[in-house]
Amino acid sequence: MWEDPFPVKPDTNEYQALSFLVTHREYGFTPDVIAEQTEISESSASNTMERLFEKELVERSDGAYYVDPDRADKLKYRLESLDSAVQFFESAPSDDAYTKEGWEDELPSIDTTEN
């Protein structure tokens, strides 16, 4: 189906379109309708859907794109995992000493022979 890592990144048109299709898995939608229902511009929607189709994440029939019902739950879980990872990194403290350049220079030596 797809290789790890998951071929869709958060905060992208592909992510928005795939999330929309997974949420509305019982229907197929044209790129124009997907653009209307998401924050994807109409000019980008067709290219976005073509990329998702090429990555074998969505199916296509008569110009409408949809999620294969047999894969919808797996796609839903993968998208939820991406959401969790984003939330985890967004909630990480930014004042952590390890996020500062040169933090390792501030540590005392563990070499007991140094004095």
Protein backbone atom coordinates (compact mmCIF):
# COMPACT_ATOMS: atom_id res chain seq x y z
CA MET A 1 0.00 0.00 0.00
CA TRP A 2 2.56 2.61 1.07
CA GLU A 3 5.98 2.57 2.62
CA ASP A 4 6.84 4.00 6.01
CA PRO A 5 7.06 6.84 6.66
CA PHE A 6 3.53 7.79 5.75
CA PRO A 7 3.70 9.76 2.47
CA VAL A 8 1.53 12.66 3.69
CA LYS A 9 2.85 15.41 5.93
CA PRO A 10 0.74 17.52 8.32
CA ASP A 11 -0.21 21.03 7.26
CA THR A 12 -0.22 20.20 3.56
CA ASN A 13 -2.92 20.19 0.91
CA GLU A 14 -2.57 16.41 0.67
CA TYR A 15 -3.21 16.08 4.40
CA GLN A 16 -6.30 18.32 4.23
CA ALA A 17 -7.76 16.51 1.23
CA LEU A 18 -7.09 13.03 2.59
CA SER A 19 -8.55 13.97 5.98
CA PHE A 20 -11.67 15.27 4.26
CA LEU A 21 -12.06 12.09 2.20
CA VAL A 22 -11.50 9.83 5.20
CA THR A 23 -14.10 11.77 7.19
CA HIS A 24 -16.56 11.51 4.29
CA ARG A 25 -15.52 8.03 3.21
CA GLU A 26 -18.96 7.01 1.99
CA TYR A 27 -18.83 9.47 -0.92
CA GLY A 28 -16.62 10.46 -3.83
CA PHE A 29 -15.79 14.09 -4.56
CA THR A 30 -14.42 16.06 -7.48
CA PRO A 31 -11.40 18.29 -6.90
CA ASP A 32 -13.66 21.37 -7.08
CA VAL A 33 -15.87 20.12 -4.25
CA ILE A 34 -12.82 19.11 -2.20
CA ALA A 35 -11.47 22.65 -2.65
CA GLU A 36 -14.81 24.12 -1.51
CA GLN A 37 -14.82 21.96 1.62
CA THR A 38 -11.18 22.46 2.60
CA GLU A 39 -8.65 25.29 2.63
CA ILE A 40 -7.17 24.07 -0.67
CA SER A 41 -7.37 26.51 -3.57
CA GLU A 42 -9.26 25.36 -6.63
CA SER A 43 -6.10 25.72 -8.69
CA SER A 44 -4.21 23.29 -6.40
CA ALA A 45 -6.97 20.77 -5.78
CA SER A 46 -6.55 18.76 -9.01
CA ASN A 47 -2.79 18.42 -8.54
CA THR A 48 -3.24 17.48 -4.89
CA MET A 49 -5.72 14.76 -5.74
CA GLU A 50 -3.51 13.42 -8.53
CA ARG A 51 -0.59 13.12 -6.09
CA LEU A 52 -2.76 11.26 -3.57
CA PHE A 53 -3.93 8.96 -6.36
CA GLU A 54 -0.35 8.31 -7.51
CA LYS A 55 0.64 7.49 -3.91
CA GLU A 56 -2.24 4.97 -3.88
CA LEU A 57 -3.96 6.69 -0.96
CA VAL A 58 -7.20 7.42 -2.81
CA GLU A 59 -9.18 5.87 -5.64
CA ARG A 60 -10.64 7.65 -8.67
CA SER A 61 -13.74 7.01 -10.73
CA ASP A 62 -15.39 9.33 -13.28
CA GLY A 63 -13.39 12.33 -12.02
CA ALA A 64 -14.37 11.78 -8.39
CA TYR A 65 -11.89 10.77 -5.70
CA TYR A 66 -12.70 8.59 -2.72
CA VAL A 67 -11.10 6.43 -0.05
CA ASP A 68 -11.31 2.67 -0.46
CA PRO A 69 -13.69 1.56 2.33
CA ASP A 70 -11.42 -1.38 3.18
CA ARG A 71 -8.52 1.02 3.88
CA ALA A 72 -10.43 3.92 5.44
CA ASP A 73 -9.84 2.86 9.05
CA LYS A 74 -6.11 2.36 8.52
CA LEU A 75 -5.84 5.77 6.87
CA LYS A 76 -7.83 7.31 9.73
CA TYR A 77 -5.43 5.84 12.30
CA ARG A 78 -2.38 7.03 10.36
CA LEU A 79 -3.79 10.56 10.18
CA GLU A 80 -4.57 10.46 13.90
CA SER A 81 -0.98 9.38 14.56
CA LEU A 82 0.27 12.38 12.59
CA ASP A 83 -2.04 14.65 14.58
CA SER A 84 -0.71 13.21 17.84
CA ALA A 85 2.90 13.72 16.79
CA VAL A 86 2.22 17.33 15.83
CA GLN A 87 0.47 18.00 19.15
CA PHE A 88 3.34 16.38 21.05
CA PHE A 89 5.98 18.54 19.39
CA GLU A 90 3.88 21.69 19.67
CA SER A 91 3.46 21.11 23.42
CA ALA A 92 7.19 20.50 24.03
CA PRO A 93 8.72 23.27 26.12
CA SER A 94 10.74 25.73 24.10
CA ASP A 95 12.80 26.84 27.10
CA ASP A 96 14.36 23.42 27.59
CA ALA A 97 18.13 23.66 28.09
CA TYR A 98 18.68 21.05 25.38
CA THR A 99 17.09 23.29 22.77
CA LYS A 100 19.76 25.94 23.23
CA GLU A 101 22.86 26.01 21.07
CA GLY A 102 25.94 25.03 23.09
CA TRP A 103 24.04 23.47 26.01
CA GLU A 104 26.64 20.75 26.34
CA ASP A 105 29.34 23.35 27.11
CA GLU A 106 27.48 24.33 30.28
CA LEU A 107 27.71 20.84 31.81
CA PRO A 108 30.36 20.13 34.43
CA SER A 109 32.95 17.48 33.55
CA ILE A 110 32.43 13.96 34.82
CA ASP A 111 36.16 13.31 34.59
CA THR A 112 37.30 13.07 38.24
CA THR A 113 40.98 13.51 37.29
CA GLU A 114 40.39 17.08 36.09
CA ASN A 115 40.97 19.84 38.66
